[in-house]
Amino acid sequence: MIQVRRGHERYPGGDAEAGIASLHAFSFGPHFDPDNLRFGALIACNEERLAAGAGFDEHPHRDTEIVTWVVEGELTHRDSAGHETTVRPGDLQRLSSAGGVRHVERNDGAGPLRFVQMWLAPLAFGGEPSYEVVRGIADGTPYAVARAGALLHLRRLAEGERTAVPDAARAYVRVVRGAVRLGGERLEAGDEARITDGAGLELRGLTASECLVWEMGAEPAHG
């Protein structure tokens, strides 16, 4: 089964006066939707736009796997475990908050910042936080988020190029740039597809495009 959700259906958020615009694909904050709490391990997929100098002040997370993909600009990350990094387009950032961590996310650059941030539920609670940045991750390279039992595949497609969608209990496709075709559906930037028990599916680039594709099992049981 394929469920398509369009970019215009996302819940708006952020703080315009502070230079923050947010779009949420799942139930989030004041936008409580009991029918849209999660899909497989995914519990949030947020697109954030930060003006120069804007950011999220220090705030806590726990028992969440946080994966960030920068689309435009530079993201400054600082956390209570002592990490301080700048994440740029093509870099993949993962923060495993585990038993608890605090962090700051800011746009310290001169231009606008846009990133997609995805939160996943862990297979088990607690443990020690961990952090990683993969610089310039290659197209098609699977990135394992072991604590959530999930794999992320980055797909960059030229016009007419095709790539397989993983056969999995759950697959989630988020179009970041361009346009693709999945089955009989045209998906454009901001659109997503939630696929249950899919097999033999593929993405075809209708333009030069970039997609984030999650490969997951069923919703995890917590331990």
Protein backbone atom coordinates (compact mmCIF):
# COMPACT_ATOMS: atom_id res chain seq x y z
CA MET A 1 0.00 0.00 0.00
CA ILE A 2 1.23 3.49 -0.88
CA GLN A 3 -0.08 6.54 0.96
CA VAL A 4 0.93 9.87 -0.59
CA ARG A 5 0.97 13.09 1.41
CA ARG A 6 1.56 16.39 -0.32
CA GLY A 7 3.84 19.16 0.83
CA HIS A 8 0.92 21.55 1.31
CA GLU A 9 -0.62 19.13 3.84
CA ARG A 10 2.20 19.58 6.36
CA TYR A 11 1.49 21.35 9.66
CA PRO A 12 3.03 24.86 9.84
CA GLY A 13 5.08 25.94 12.82
CA GLY A 14 8.07 27.96 13.90
CA ASP A 15 8.32 31.59 14.93
CA ALA A 16 8.24 34.14 12.11
CA GLU A 17 9.47 36.98 14.31
CA ALA A 18 12.51 34.89 15.29
CA GLY A 19 13.25 33.98 11.66
CA ILE A 20 12.10 30.34 11.98
CA ALA A 21 9.64 28.64 9.62
CA SER A 22 8.79 24.97 10.18
CA LEU A 23 6.72 22.38 8.32
CA HIS A 24 5.84 19.12 10.09
CA ALA A 25 4.90 15.90 8.29
CA PHE A 26 3.69 14.19 11.49
CA SER A 27 1.63 15.20 14.51
CA PHE A 28 3.82 17.74 16.29
CA GLY A 29 3.49 20.21 19.15
CA PRO A 30 0.14 22.02 19.03
CA HIS A 31 -0.79 20.14 15.83
CA PHE A 32 -1.96 16.96 17.53
CA ASP A 33 -3.31 14.41 15.06
CA PRO A 34 -3.97 10.96 16.58
CA ASP A 35 -4.12 9.45 13.07
CA ASN A 36 -0.66 10.74 12.13
CA LEU A 37 1.61 9.99 15.08
CA ARG A 38 4.25 7.88 13.35
CA PHE A 39 5.11 5.58 10.46
CA GLY A 40 7.29 2.64 11.36
CA ALA A 41 10.13 4.06 13.43
CA LEU A 42 9.60 7.61 12.13
CA ILE A 43 7.88 9.97 14.58
CA ALA A 44 8.83 13.31 12.97
CA CYS A 45 9.99 14.67 9.64
CA ASN A 46 10.41 18.43 9.92
CA GLU A 47 11.55 20.93 7.33
CA GLU A 48 13.18 23.89 9.04
CA ARG A 49 14.06 27.24 7.49
CA LEU A 50 16.23 29.57 9.58
CA ALA A 51 17.13 33.11 8.62
CA ALA A 52 20.72 34.26 9.16
CA GLY A 53 21.35 34.50 12.90
CA ALA A 54 18.22 32.53 13.85
CA GLY A 55 18.17 29.24 15.70
CA PHE A 56 16.83 26.96 18.38
CA ASP A 57 18.24 27.71 21.83
CA GLU A 58 19.47 24.88 24.04
CA HIS A 59 16.76 22.28 24.52
CA PRO A 60 16.66 18.65 25.70
CA HIS A 61 16.03 15.35 23.93
CA ARG A 62 15.95 11.80 25.19
CA ASP A 63 15.21 8.38 23.70
CA THR A 64 15.11 9.75 20.16
CA GLU A 65 17.33 9.15 17.13
CA ILE A 66 17.69 12.50 15.31
CA VAL A 67 18.95 12.51 11.70
CA THR A 68 19.48 15.83 9.90
CA TRP A 69 19.98 16.52 6.20
CA VAL A 70 21.02 20.06 5.24
CA VAL A 71 19.53 21.24 1.94
CA GLU A 72 20.88 24.80 1.84
CA GLY A 73 23.22 26.84 4.02
CA GLU A 74 25.17 25.81 7.11
CA LEU A 75 23.86 24.37 10.38
CA THR A 76 25.80 24.94 13.58
CA HIS A 77 25.30 22.19 16.17
CA ARG A 78 26.47 22.29 19.81
CA ASP A 79 25.50 19.77 22.47
CA SER A 80 26.01 19.00 26.14
CA ALA A 81 28.35 16.11 25.26
CA GLY A 82 30.91 18.62 23.97
CA HIS A 83 30.35 18.35 20.21
CA GLU A 84 30.42 21.50 18.09
CA THR A 85 30.17 21.13 14.33
CA THR A 86 29.06 22.89 11.16
CA VAL A 87 26.91 20.70 8.90
CA ARG A 88 26.65 21.56 5.20
CA PRO A 89 24.72 20.24 2.19
CA GLY A 90 25.82 16.68 1.45
CA ASP A 91 26.64 15.98 5.11
CA LEU A 92 24.50 13.64 7.21
CA GLN A 93 24.21 14.31 10.95
CA ARG A 94 22.97 11.83 13.57
CA LEU A 95 22.37 12.55 17.24
CA SER A 96 21.34 9.59 19.42
CA SER A 97 19.89 11.32 22.47
CA ALA A 98 19.54 8.02 24.39
CA GLY A 99 19.32 8.70 28.14
CA GLY A 100 19.37 12.45 27.60
CA VAL A 101 21.28 15.25 25.89
CA ARG A 102 20.82 18.99 25.32
CA HIS A 103 21.72 20.79 22.10
CA VAL A 104 21.64 24.06 20.20
CA GLU A 105 20.90 24.42 16.47
CA ARG A 106 21.66 27.74 14.76
CA ASN A 107 22.23 29.44 11.47
CA ASP A 108 25.48 31.27 12.09
CA GLY A 109 26.03 31.79 8.36
CA ALA A 110 25.30 34.84 6.26
CA GLY A 111 22.61 33.23 4.09
CA PRO A 112 19.41 31.25 4.67
CA LEU A 113 19.48 27.73 6.10
CA ARG A 114 17.10 24.92 5.18
CA PHE A 115 17.27 21.39 6.55
CA VAL A 116 15.16 18.29 6.93
CA GLN A 117 15.25 16.70 10.36
CA MET A 118 13.86 13.24 11.04
CA TRP A 119 13.20 11.72 14.45
CA LEU A 120 13.02 7.97 14.99
CA ALA A 121 11.88 5.96 17.98
CA PRO A 122 14.60 3.68 19.39
CA LEU A 123 14.23 -0.06 19.84
CA ALA A 124 15.15 0.33 23.54
CA PHE A 125 15.29 3.24 25.92
CA GLY A 126 18.26 4.66 27.84
CA GLY A 127 21.97 4.30 27.22
CA GLU A 128 24.68 6.82 26.41
CA PRO A 129 24.18 9.57 23.82
CA SER A 130 26.28 9.45 20.64
CA TYR A 131 26.91 11.80 17.74
CA GLU A 132 28.23 11.49 14.20
CA VAL A 133 28.58 13.56 11.04
CA VAL A 134 29.25 11.81 7.72
CA ARG A 135 30.81 14.34 5.36
CA GLY A 136 29.76 14.21 1.71
CA ILE A 137 27.81 10.97 1.92
CA ALA A 138 27.77 9.25 -1.46
CA ASP A 139 24.62 8.70 -3.48
CA GLY A 140 23.04 5.31 -2.77
CA THR A 141 25.11 4.67 0.35
CA PRO A 142 22.86 3.17 3.04
CA TYR A 143 23.25 4.74 6.47
CA ALA A 144 22.26 2.52 9.38
CA VAL A 145 20.51 3.96 12.43
CA ALA A 146 20.98 0.79 14.42
CA ARG A 147 19.20 1.94 17.56
CA ALA A 148 16.01 2.39 15.54
CA GLY A 149 16.46 -0.64 13.28
CA ALA A 150 16.34 1.59 10.19
CA LEU A 151 18.40 2.36 7.09
CA LEU A 152 18.47 5.68 5.25
CA HIS A 153 19.21 5.72 1.52
CA LEU A 154 20.09 8.95 -0.25
CA ARG A 155 18.96 8.94 -3.88
CA ARG A 156 20.03 11.58 -6.40
CA LEU A 157 18.43 10.98 -9.78
CA ALA A 158 18.97 12.55 -13.17
CA GLU A 159 15.98 13.03 -15.44
CA GLY A 160 14.88 9.57 -16.61
CA GLU A 161 17.09 7.72 -14.14
CA ARG A 162 15.50 4.95 -12.07
CA THR A 163 16.26 3.44 -8.67
CA ALA A 164 14.62 0.67 -6.66
CA VAL A 165 12.68 1.41 -3.50
CA PRO A 166 13.73 -1.10 -0.81
CA ASP A 167 11.36 -4.03 -0.30
CA ALA A 168 10.55 -3.63 3.38
CA ALA A 169 7.74 -3.77 5.91
CA ARG A 170 7.84 0.05 5.87
CA ALA A 171 9.49 2.42 3.39
CA TYR A 172 9.24 6.20 3.53
CA VAL A 173 10.16 8.42 0.58
CA ARG A 174 10.65 12.15 1.05
CA VAL A 175 11.36 14.27 -2.03
CA VAL A 176 13.83 17.03 -1.17
CA ARG A 177 14.42 18.51 -4.62
CA GLY A 178 12.95 18.07 -8.09
CA ALA A 179 10.22 15.63 -9.07
CA VAL A 180 9.97 11.84 -9.33
CA ARG A 181 7.40 9.22 -10.27
CA LEU A 182 6.52 6.40 -7.89
CA GLY A 183 4.03 3.97 -9.38
CA GLY A 184 1.32 6.15 -10.85
CA GLU A 185 2.08 9.16 -8.63
CA ARG A 186 4.13 12.25 -9.41
CA LEU A 187 5.94 13.44 -6.27
CA GLU A 188 7.48 16.89 -6.04
CA ALA A 189 9.69 18.61 -3.47
CA GLY A 190 7.99 18.42 -0.06
CA ASP A 191 5.82 15.43 -1.02
CA GLU A 192 6.20 12.06 0.66
CA ALA A 193 5.08 8.46 0.23
CA ARG A 194 4.50 5.99 3.05
CA ILE A 195 4.78 2.45 1.73
CA THR A 196 3.63 -0.65 3.61
CA ASP A 197 4.83 -4.12 2.49
CA GLY A 198 5.98 -2.76 -0.85
CA ALA A 199 7.75 -4.93 -3.42
CA GLY A 200 9.22 -4.20 -6.83
CA LEU A 201 8.69 -0.43 -6.62
CA GLU A 202 10.99 2.13 -8.16
CA LEU A 203 11.52 5.87 -8.34
CA ARG A 204 12.05 7.54 -11.72
CA GLY A 205 13.46 11.03 -11.98
CA LEU A 206 11.15 13.39 -13.86
CA THR A 207 13.71 16.14 -13.34
CA ALA A 208 17.05 16.19 -11.54
CA SER A 209 15.94 15.21 -8.06
CA GLU A 210 17.03 14.26 -4.55
CA CYS A 211 15.13 11.90 -2.24
CA LEU A 212 15.55 10.56 1.27
CA VAL A 213 14.34 6.95 1.49
CA TRP A 214 13.91 5.15 4.80
CA GLU A 215 13.89 1.36 4.98
CA MET A 216 12.27 0.12 8.19
CA GLY A 217 10.62 -2.82 9.85
CA ALA A 218 7.24 -2.60 11.52
CA GLU A 219 6.78 -0.21 14.43
CA PRO A 220 9.39 -1.18 17.05
CA ALA A 221 8.52 -2.70 20.38
CA HIS A 222 10.25 -0.80 23.17
CA GLY A 223 12.41 -2.55 25.72
